[in-house]
Amino acid sequence: AGLHLHVSVVLRALAPIITPDAALLGLRMADRHLTYSKYCAFWVRRPHVPVSRSPALWWQHAGEAIIADCRRRYPIRKFDHALELRRQYIATYRALHSTQKHYNPKGVEPEGPLDVGEINNDLRRLELKLNLGQAMVYRTFVALQHSRYLAQHAEAYQQRE
């Protein structure tokens, strides 16, 4: 059901010369194959009328495709696990930044000395379970919380400088 290519070459020396156009064509073919394999399940269920004749039907198809993709990627049975992973990552990332001067809100200090190396190891372990986008969102979340704190507490913002 997919593109299969089998090549067998026995040579003493091989010096392939690929022109930029040939490389571009190869990349295009690979991209089209990846796109097809990713979306073929949705294409077979697409409406058989042009978009101009039934835009609502096409919007419904797009919505169903998005929902199906989300359900495939993030099944509901893993939702609690994802929330717990998010909570752990945010707490660990906050703990790492609490070691920096003027990070903590006034009056809130970490409980005892923190081992930055151990926190970094925990963060790396958690990042192995996340994709890049999730880690970026969670880090941005921590930064936004701190920015909100600084905006509400001018004295803490002035201490930073």
N, C-alpha and C. Protein backbone atom coordinates (compact mmCIF):
# COMPACT_ATOMS: atom_id res chain seq x y z
N ALA A 1 0.83 -1.19 0.00
CA ALA A 1 0.00 0.00 0.00
C ALA A 1 0.87 1.25 0.00
N GLY A 2 2.15 1.10 0.08
CA GLY A 2 3.04 2.26 0.07
C GLY A 2 4.07 2.11 -1.01
N LEU A 3 4.91 3.06 -1.12
CA LEU A 3 5.99 3.05 -2.10
C LEU A 3 7.11 2.16 -1.58
N HIS A 4 7.47 1.14 -2.37
CA HIS A 4 8.57 0.26 -2.00
C HIS A 4 9.63 0.35 -3.07
N LEU A 5 10.84 0.51 -2.66
CA LEU A 5 11.96 0.60 -3.58
C LEU A 5 13.07 -0.29 -3.04
N HIS A 6 13.50 -1.22 -3.85
CA HIS A 6 14.56 -2.12 -3.43
C HIS A 6 15.70 -1.98 -4.44
N VAL A 7 16.86 -1.64 -3.96
CA VAL A 7 18.02 -1.46 -4.83
C VAL A 7 19.15 -2.30 -4.26
N SER A 8 19.80 -3.02 -5.14
CA SER A 8 20.95 -3.80 -4.72
C SER A 8 22.09 -3.49 -5.69
N VAL A 9 23.20 -3.03 -5.15
CA VAL A 9 24.34 -2.65 -5.98
C VAL A 9 25.60 -3.27 -5.39
N VAL A 10 26.39 -3.90 -6.23
CA VAL A 10 27.67 -4.44 -5.80
C VAL A 10 28.73 -3.81 -6.70
N LEU A 11 29.50 -2.91 -6.15
CA LEU A 11 30.55 -2.22 -6.88
C LEU A 11 31.78 -2.14 -5.99
N ARG A 12 32.91 -1.94 -6.61
CA ARG A 12 34.13 -1.74 -5.82
C ARG A 12 34.23 -0.29 -5.34
N ALA A 13 33.71 0.61 -6.13
CA ALA A 13 33.73 2.02 -5.75
C ALA A 13 32.47 2.66 -6.30
N LEU A 14 31.88 3.51 -5.50
CA LEU A 14 30.67 4.19 -5.91
C LEU A 14 30.84 5.67 -5.63
N ALA A 15 30.72 6.45 -6.65
CA ALA A 15 30.84 7.90 -6.51
C ALA A 15 29.60 8.53 -7.13
N PRO A 16 28.50 8.58 -6.38
CA PRO A 16 27.28 9.15 -6.96
C PRO A 16 27.42 10.66 -7.13
N ILE A 17 26.90 11.12 -8.22
CA ILE A 17 26.87 12.55 -8.49
C ILE A 17 25.41 12.94 -8.60
N ILE A 18 24.97 13.73 -7.67
CA ILE A 18 23.57 14.14 -7.63
C ILE A 18 23.53 15.65 -7.85
N THR A 19 22.81 16.03 -8.87
CA THR A 19 22.68 17.46 -9.16
C THR A 19 21.70 18.06 -8.15
N PRO A 20 21.75 19.37 -7.96
CA PRO A 20 20.78 20.00 -7.04
C PRO A 20 19.33 19.73 -7.45
N ASP A 21 19.07 19.70 -8.77
CA ASP A 21 17.69 19.43 -9.21
C ASP A 21 17.26 18.02 -8.84
N ALA A 22 18.18 17.05 -8.98
CA ALA A 22 17.85 15.67 -8.64
C ALA A 22 17.64 15.54 -7.13
N ALA A 23 18.44 16.23 -6.34
CA ALA A 23 18.27 16.19 -4.88
C ALA A 23 16.92 16.79 -4.49
N LEU A 24 16.57 17.90 -5.13
CA LEU A 24 15.28 18.55 -4.85
C LEU A 24 14.13 17.62 -5.22
N LEU A 25 14.25 16.94 -6.35
CA LEU A 25 13.22 16.00 -6.77
C LEU A 25 13.09 14.85 -5.76
N GLY A 26 14.22 14.34 -5.29
CA GLY A 26 14.19 13.28 -4.29
C GLY A 26 13.54 13.73 -2.99
N LEU A 27 13.85 14.95 -2.55
CA LEU A 27 13.23 15.49 -1.34
C LEU A 27 11.73 15.67 -1.52
N ARG A 28 11.32 16.13 -2.71
CA ARG A 28 9.90 16.30 -2.99
C ARG A 28 9.17 14.96 -2.94
N MET A 29 9.79 13.94 -3.53
CA MET A 29 9.17 12.61 -3.52
C MET A 29 9.04 12.09 -2.09
N ALA A 30 10.07 12.27 -1.30
CA ALA A 30 10.02 11.81 0.09
C ALA A 30 8.95 12.58 0.87
N ASP A 31 8.86 13.90 0.64
CA ASP A 31 7.86 14.71 1.32
C ASP A 31 6.45 14.28 0.93
N ARG A 32 6.24 14.04 -0.34
CA ARG A 32 4.91 13.60 -0.78
C ARG A 32 4.55 12.24 -0.20
N HIS A 33 5.53 11.35 -0.12
CA HIS A 33 5.26 10.04 0.47
C HIS A 33 4.91 10.17 1.95
N LEU A 34 5.66 10.98 2.68
CA LEU A 34 5.37 11.18 4.10
C LEU A 34 4.00 11.82 4.29
N THR A 35 3.69 12.82 3.46
CA THR A 35 2.39 13.48 3.55
C THR A 35 1.27 12.49 3.27
N TYR A 36 1.43 11.70 2.22
CA TYR A 36 0.41 10.71 1.88
C TYR A 36 0.21 9.72 3.02
N SER A 37 1.31 9.19 3.56
CA SER A 37 1.18 8.19 4.62
C SER A 37 0.56 8.79 5.88
N LYS A 38 0.76 10.07 6.09
CA LYS A 38 0.20 10.72 7.28
C LYS A 38 -1.30 10.99 7.13
N TYR A 39 -1.71 11.40 5.92
CA TYR A 39 -3.09 11.85 5.73
C TYR A 39 -3.97 10.90 4.92
N CYS A 40 -3.47 9.75 4.49
CA CYS A 40 -4.26 8.87 3.64
C CYS A 40 -5.54 8.40 4.32
N ALA A 41 -5.50 8.21 5.63
CA ALA A 41 -6.71 7.78 6.35
C ALA A 41 -7.81 8.83 6.27
N PHE A 42 -7.44 10.11 6.18
CA PHE A 42 -8.43 11.18 6.09
C PHE A 42 -8.90 11.38 4.66
N TRP A 43 -8.02 11.16 3.69
CA TRP A 43 -8.36 11.40 2.29
C TRP A 43 -9.43 10.42 1.81
N VAL A 44 -9.40 9.19 2.29
CA VAL A 44 -10.41 8.22 1.84
C VAL A 44 -11.80 8.58 2.33
N ARG A 45 -11.90 9.34 3.41
CA ARG A 45 -13.20 9.73 3.96
C ARG A 45 -13.61 11.14 3.57
N ARG A 46 -12.84 11.80 2.71
CA ARG A 46 -13.16 13.18 2.37
C ARG A 46 -14.42 13.24 1.50
N PRO A 47 -15.11 14.37 1.54
CA PRO A 47 -16.33 14.52 0.73
C PRO A 47 -16.01 14.40 -0.76
N HIS A 48 -16.99 13.89 -1.51
CA HIS A 48 -16.80 13.68 -2.94
C HIS A 48 -17.41 14.81 -3.76
N VAL A 49 -17.58 15.96 -3.14
CA VAL A 49 -18.07 17.14 -3.86
C VAL A 49 -17.04 18.24 -3.72
N PRO A 50 -16.98 19.17 -4.68
CA PRO A 50 -16.02 20.27 -4.57
C PRO A 50 -16.34 21.17 -3.37
N VAL A 51 -15.32 21.83 -2.87
CA VAL A 51 -15.48 22.72 -1.72
C VAL A 51 -16.50 23.82 -2.03
N SER A 52 -16.48 24.33 -3.27
CA SER A 52 -17.39 25.42 -3.64
C SER A 52 -18.86 25.00 -3.59
N ARG A 53 -19.14 23.71 -3.76
CA ARG A 53 -20.54 23.25 -3.72
C ARG A 53 -21.02 22.97 -2.30
N SER A 54 -20.11 22.58 -1.42
CA SER A 54 -20.53 22.24 -0.07
C SER A 54 -19.44 22.57 0.95
N PRO A 55 -19.24 23.86 1.21
CA PRO A 55 -18.19 24.22 2.18
C PRO A 55 -18.46 23.66 3.58
N ALA A 56 -19.73 23.60 3.98
CA ALA A 56 -20.04 23.09 5.32
C ALA A 56 -19.63 21.63 5.47
N LEU A 57 -19.83 20.86 4.43
CA LEU A 57 -19.44 19.45 4.47
C LEU A 57 -17.92 19.31 4.61
N TRP A 58 -17.18 20.18 3.91
CA TRP A 58 -15.73 20.15 4.01
C TRP A 58 -15.25 20.62 5.38
N TRP A 59 -15.91 21.62 5.97
CA TRP A 59 -15.54 22.07 7.32
C TRP A 59 -15.82 20.95 8.33
N GLN A 60 -16.93 20.25 8.13
CA GLN A 60 -17.25 19.12 9.02
C GLN A 60 -16.17 18.05 8.89
N HIS A 61 -15.75 17.76 7.67
CA HIS A 61 -14.70 16.77 7.45
C HIS A 61 -13.39 17.21 8.14
N ALA A 62 -13.05 18.50 8.00
CA ALA A 62 -11.82 19.01 8.62
C ALA A 62 -11.89 18.86 10.14
N GLY A 63 -13.03 19.21 10.73
CA GLY A 63 -13.19 19.08 12.18
C GLY A 63 -13.07 17.64 12.64
N GLU A 64 -13.71 16.73 11.90
CA GLU A 64 -13.63 15.30 12.26
C GLU A 64 -12.21 14.77 12.13
N ALA A 65 -11.49 15.25 11.12
CA ALA A 65 -10.11 14.81 10.94
C ALA A 65 -9.23 15.29 12.10
N ILE A 66 -9.43 16.53 12.53
CA ILE A 66 -8.66 17.07 13.66
C ILE A 66 -8.97 16.31 14.94
N ILE A 67 -10.25 16.05 15.17
CA ILE A 67 -10.65 15.31 16.38
C ILE A 67 -10.06 13.91 16.36
N ALA A 68 -10.13 13.24 15.20
CA ALA A 68 -9.59 11.89 15.10
C ALA A 68 -8.08 11.89 15.34
N ASP A 69 -7.39 12.89 14.80
CA ASP A 69 -5.94 12.98 14.99
C ASP A 69 -5.60 13.22 16.46
N CYS A 70 -6.35 14.09 17.11
CA CYS A 70 -6.12 14.36 18.55
C CYS A 70 -6.39 13.12 19.38
N ARG A 71 -7.45 12.41 19.05
CA ARG A 71 -7.75 11.19 19.82
C ARG A 71 -6.68 10.13 19.62
N ARG A 72 -6.13 10.06 18.41
CA ARG A 72 -5.06 9.10 18.15
C ARG A 72 -3.80 9.47 18.92
N ARG A 73 -3.46 10.76 18.94
CA ARG A 73 -2.23 11.20 19.60
C ARG A 73 -2.34 11.25 21.10
N TYR A 74 -3.49 11.71 21.59
CA TYR A 74 -3.67 11.92 23.03
C TYR A 74 -4.93 11.18 23.50
N PRO A 75 -4.86 9.87 23.62
CA PRO A 75 -6.04 9.13 24.07
C PRO A 75 -6.44 9.55 25.48
N ILE A 76 -7.73 9.53 25.73
CA ILE A 76 -8.27 10.00 27.01
C ILE A 76 -7.73 9.18 28.18
N ARG A 77 -7.38 7.90 27.94
CA ARG A 77 -6.86 7.08 29.04
C ARG A 77 -5.49 7.56 29.50
N LYS A 78 -4.81 8.36 28.69
CA LYS A 78 -3.50 8.88 29.06
C LYS A 78 -3.58 10.33 29.57
N PHE A 79 -4.78 10.86 29.66
CA PHE A 79 -4.95 12.26 30.02
C PHE A 79 -4.45 12.55 31.44
N ASP A 80 -4.82 11.69 32.38
CA ASP A 80 -4.37 11.89 33.77
C ASP A 80 -2.84 11.84 33.86
N HIS A 81 -2.26 10.91 33.12
CA HIS A 81 -0.80 10.80 33.10
C HIS A 81 -0.18 12.07 32.52
N ALA A 82 -0.77 12.60 31.45
CA ALA A 82 -0.24 13.83 30.83
C ALA A 82 -0.33 15.01 31.79
N LEU A 83 -1.43 15.10 32.53
CA LEU A 83 -1.57 16.19 33.50
C LEU A 83 -0.55 16.07 34.63
N GLU A 84 -0.31 14.85 35.08
CA GLU A 84 0.69 14.63 36.14
C GLU A 84 2.09 14.96 35.63
N LEU A 85 2.39 14.57 34.41
CA LEU A 85 3.68 14.89 33.81
C LEU A 85 3.86 16.40 33.68
N ARG A 86 2.79 17.10 33.28
CA ARG A 86 2.83 18.56 33.18
C ARG A 86 3.10 19.18 34.55
N ARG A 87 2.40 18.70 35.57
CA ARG A 87 2.57 19.23 36.93
C ARG A 87 4.01 19.03 37.41
N GLN A 88 4.56 17.83 37.18
CA GLN A 88 5.93 17.53 37.60
C GLN A 88 6.93 18.42 36.85
N TYR A 89 6.73 18.59 35.55
CA TYR A 89 7.67 19.38 34.76
C TYR A 89 7.67 20.84 35.21
N ILE A 90 6.49 21.40 35.40
CA ILE A 90 6.40 22.80 35.82
C ILE A 90 7.03 22.98 37.20
N ALA A 91 6.75 22.07 38.12
CA ALA A 91 7.33 22.17 39.46
C ALA A 91 8.85 22.05 39.42
N THR A 92 9.35 21.15 38.60
CA THR A 92 10.81 20.96 38.50
C THR A 92 11.46 22.17 37.85
N TYR A 93 10.84 22.70 36.79
CA TYR A 93 11.40 23.87 36.11
C TYR A 93 11.37 25.08 37.04
N ARG A 94 10.30 25.22 37.82
CA ARG A 94 10.24 26.31 38.81
C ARG A 94 11.34 26.14 39.85
N ALA A 95 11.54 24.92 40.30
CA ALA A 95 12.58 24.66 41.31
C ALA A 95 13.95 25.05 40.77
N LEU A 96 14.20 24.74 39.49
CA LEU A 96 15.47 25.11 38.89
C LEU A 96 15.65 26.63 38.90
N HIS A 97 14.60 27.35 38.55
CA HIS A 97 14.71 28.81 38.52
C HIS A 97 14.67 29.45 39.90
N SER A 98 14.18 28.71 40.88
CA SER A 98 14.16 29.28 42.23
C SER A 98 15.56 29.41 42.79
N THR A 99 16.54 28.77 42.15
CA THR A 99 17.92 28.89 42.59
C THR A 99 18.55 30.20 42.11
N GLN A 100 17.87 30.90 41.20
CA GLN A 100 18.39 32.16 40.68
C GLN A 100 18.01 33.30 41.62
N LYS A 101 18.86 34.30 41.67
CA LYS A 101 18.62 35.45 42.54
C LYS A 101 17.37 36.20 42.07
N HIS A 102 16.52 36.57 43.00
CA HIS A 102 15.31 37.36 42.76
C HIS A 102 14.25 36.63 41.96
N TYR A 103 14.33 35.29 41.88
CA TYR A 103 13.28 34.59 41.14
C TYR A 103 12.04 34.41 41.99
N ASN A 104 12.20 33.98 43.23
CA ASN A 104 11.05 33.67 44.07
C ASN A 104 10.29 34.92 44.48
N PRO A 105 8.97 34.80 44.58
CA PRO A 105 8.20 35.91 45.15
C PRO A 105 8.66 36.18 46.58
N LYS A 106 8.49 37.43 47.01
CA LYS A 106 8.94 37.83 48.34
C LYS A 106 8.31 36.94 49.42
N GLY A 107 9.15 36.43 50.29
CA GLY A 107 8.66 35.61 51.39
C GLY A 107 8.55 34.13 51.05
N VAL A 108 8.76 33.75 49.80
CA VAL A 108 8.66 32.34 49.42
C VAL A 108 10.06 31.85 49.07
N GLU A 109 10.60 31.02 49.88
CA GLU A 109 11.95 30.48 49.66
C GLU A 109 11.86 28.97 49.54
N PRO A 110 12.76 28.35 48.82
CA PRO A 110 12.74 26.88 48.74
C PRO A 110 13.01 26.25 50.10
N GLU A 111 12.49 25.04 50.27
CA GLU A 111 12.68 24.32 51.53
C GLU A 111 14.08 23.72 51.55
N GLY A 112 15.01 24.37 52.18
CA GLY A 112 16.37 23.87 52.29
C GLY A 112 17.16 24.08 51.01
N PRO A 113 18.44 23.69 51.05
CA PRO A 113 19.28 23.87 49.87
C PRO A 113 18.86 22.93 48.74
N LEU A 114 18.92 23.45 47.53
CA LEU A 114 18.54 22.66 46.36
C LEU A 114 19.79 22.21 45.61
N ASP A 115 19.77 20.99 45.13
CA ASP A 115 20.86 20.43 44.34
C ASP A 115 20.54 20.68 42.86
N VAL A 116 21.20 21.68 42.26
CA VAL A 116 20.92 22.08 40.88
C VAL A 116 21.19 20.93 39.93
N GLY A 117 22.23 20.15 40.16
CA GLY A 117 22.54 19.01 39.30
C GLY A 117 21.42 17.98 39.32
N GLU A 118 20.88 17.71 40.49
CA GLU A 118 19.79 16.75 40.61
C GLU A 118 18.52 17.28 39.92
N ILE A 119 18.28 18.57 40.09
CA ILE A 119 17.11 19.18 39.43
C ILE A 119 17.26 19.11 37.91
N ASN A 120 18.46 19.40 37.40
CA ASN A 120 18.70 19.30 35.96
C ASN A 120 18.49 17.88 35.45
N ASN A 121 18.95 16.89 36.23
CA ASN A 121 18.74 15.49 35.84
C ASN A 121 17.25 15.14 35.81
N ASP A 122 16.50 15.62 36.81
CA ASP A 122 15.06 15.38 36.82
C ASP A 122 14.39 16.03 35.61
N LEU A 123 14.84 17.25 35.29
CA LEU A 123 14.27 17.97 34.15
C LEU A 123 14.54 17.21 32.85
N ARG A 124 15.77 16.72 32.68
CA ARG A 124 16.10 15.94 31.47
C ARG A 124 15.28 14.66 31.39
N ARG A 125 15.10 14.00 32.53
CA ARG A 125 14.30 12.77 32.56
C ARG A 125 12.86 13.05 32.14
N LEU A 126 12.30 14.15 32.63
CA LEU A 126 10.93 14.51 32.25
C LEU A 126 10.84 14.93 30.79
N GLU A 127 11.87 15.62 30.29
CA GLU A 127 11.85 16.09 28.90
C GLU A 127 11.90 14.93 27.91
N LEU A 128 12.43 13.79 28.32
CA LEU A 128 12.43 12.61 27.45
C LEU A 128 11.01 12.11 27.20
N LYS A 129 10.10 12.44 28.11
CA LYS A 129 8.72 11.99 27.98
C LYS A 129 7.83 13.01 27.26
N LEU A 130 8.38 14.19 26.99
CA LEU A 130 7.61 15.26 26.34
C LEU A 130 8.14 15.52 24.95
N ASN A 131 7.29 16.10 24.11
CA ASN A 131 7.82 16.58 22.84
C ASN A 131 8.29 18.02 23.04
N LEU A 132 8.99 18.54 22.07
CA LEU A 132 9.59 19.88 22.19
C LEU A 132 8.52 20.94 22.44
N GLY A 133 7.41 20.85 21.74
CA GLY A 133 6.35 21.84 21.89
C GLY A 133 5.80 21.89 23.31
N GLN A 134 5.61 20.73 23.92
CA GLN A 134 5.10 20.69 25.29
C GLN A 134 6.09 21.34 26.25
N ALA A 135 7.36 21.00 26.12
CA ALA A 135 8.36 21.59 27.01
C ALA A 135 8.41 23.10 26.85
N MET A 136 8.31 23.58 25.63
CA MET A 136 8.34 25.02 25.39
C MET A 136 7.13 25.71 26.02
N VAL A 137 5.96 25.10 25.88
CA VAL A 137 4.75 25.69 26.47
C VAL A 137 4.86 25.73 27.98
N TYR A 138 5.33 24.66 28.59
CA TYR A 138 5.43 24.62 30.04
C TYR A 138 6.46 25.63 30.55
N ARG A 139 7.57 25.77 29.84
CA ARG A 139 8.58 26.77 30.24
C ARG A 139 8.03 28.18 30.09
N THR A 140 7.29 28.41 29.03
CA THR A 140 6.68 29.73 28.82
C THR A 140 5.68 30.01 29.92
N PHE A 141 4.94 28.99 30.34
CA PHE A 141 3.98 29.14 31.42
C PHE A 141 4.67 29.63 32.70
N VAL A 142 5.79 29.03 33.05
CA VAL A 142 6.54 29.45 34.24
C VAL A 142 7.04 30.89 34.08
N ALA A 143 7.55 31.22 32.90
CA ALA A 143 8.05 32.57 32.66
C ALA A 143 6.92 33.60 32.75
N LEU A 144 5.76 33.26 32.23
CA LEU A 144 4.63 34.19 32.29
C LEU A 144 4.15 34.40 33.73
N GLN A 145 4.15 33.33 34.52
CA GLN A 145 3.77 33.48 35.93
C GLN A 145 4.74 34.41 36.65
N HIS A 146 6.03 34.26 36.37
CA HIS A 146 7.01 35.13 37.02
C HIS A 146 6.87 36.57 36.52
N SER A 147 6.61 36.74 35.24
CA SER A 147 6.42 38.08 34.70
C SER A 147 5.20 38.75 35.32
N ARG A 148 4.14 37.98 35.53
CA ARG A 148 2.94 38.54 36.17
C ARG A 148 3.27 38.97 37.60
N TYR A 149 4.05 38.14 38.30
CA TYR A 149 4.45 38.50 39.66
C TYR A 149 5.25 39.80 39.66
N LEU A 150 6.21 39.92 38.74
CA LEU A 150 7.03 41.14 38.67
C LEU A 150 6.19 42.36 38.32
N ALA A 151 5.19 42.19 37.47
CA ALA A 151 4.32 43.31 37.09
C ALA A 151 3.49 43.78 38.28
N GLN A 152 3.11 42.86 39.15
CA GLN A 152 2.28 43.21 40.31
C GLN A 152 3.11 43.70 41.50
N HIS A 153 4.40 43.43 41.49
CA HIS A 153 5.27 43.80 42.61
C HIS A 153 6.46 44.60 42.08
N ALA A 154 6.28 45.89 42.01
CA ALA A 154 7.31 46.76 41.44
C ALA A 154 8.62 46.65 42.21
N GLU A 155 8.56 46.46 43.52
CA GLU A 155 9.81 46.39 44.30
C GLU A 155 10.64 45.17 43.92
N ALA A 156 9.99 44.08 43.61
CA ALA A 156 10.72 42.88 43.18
C ALA A 156 11.34 43.11 41.81
N TYR A 157 10.63 43.82 40.95
CA TYR A 157 11.17 44.10 39.62
C TYR A 157 12.39 45.01 39.72
N GLN A 158 12.34 45.99 40.60
CA GLN A 158 13.47 46.91 40.76
C GLN A 158 14.67 46.21 41.38
N GLN A 159 14.45 45.19 42.22
CA GLN A 159 15.56 44.43 42.81
C GLN A 159 16.33 43.66 41.75
N ARG A 160 15.64 43.28 40.68
CA ARG A 160 16.30 42.51 39.62
C ARG A 160 17.39 43.32 38.95
N GLU A 161 17.18 44.60 38.84
CA GLU A 161 18.12 45.42 38.07
C GLU A 161 19.34 45.81 38.83
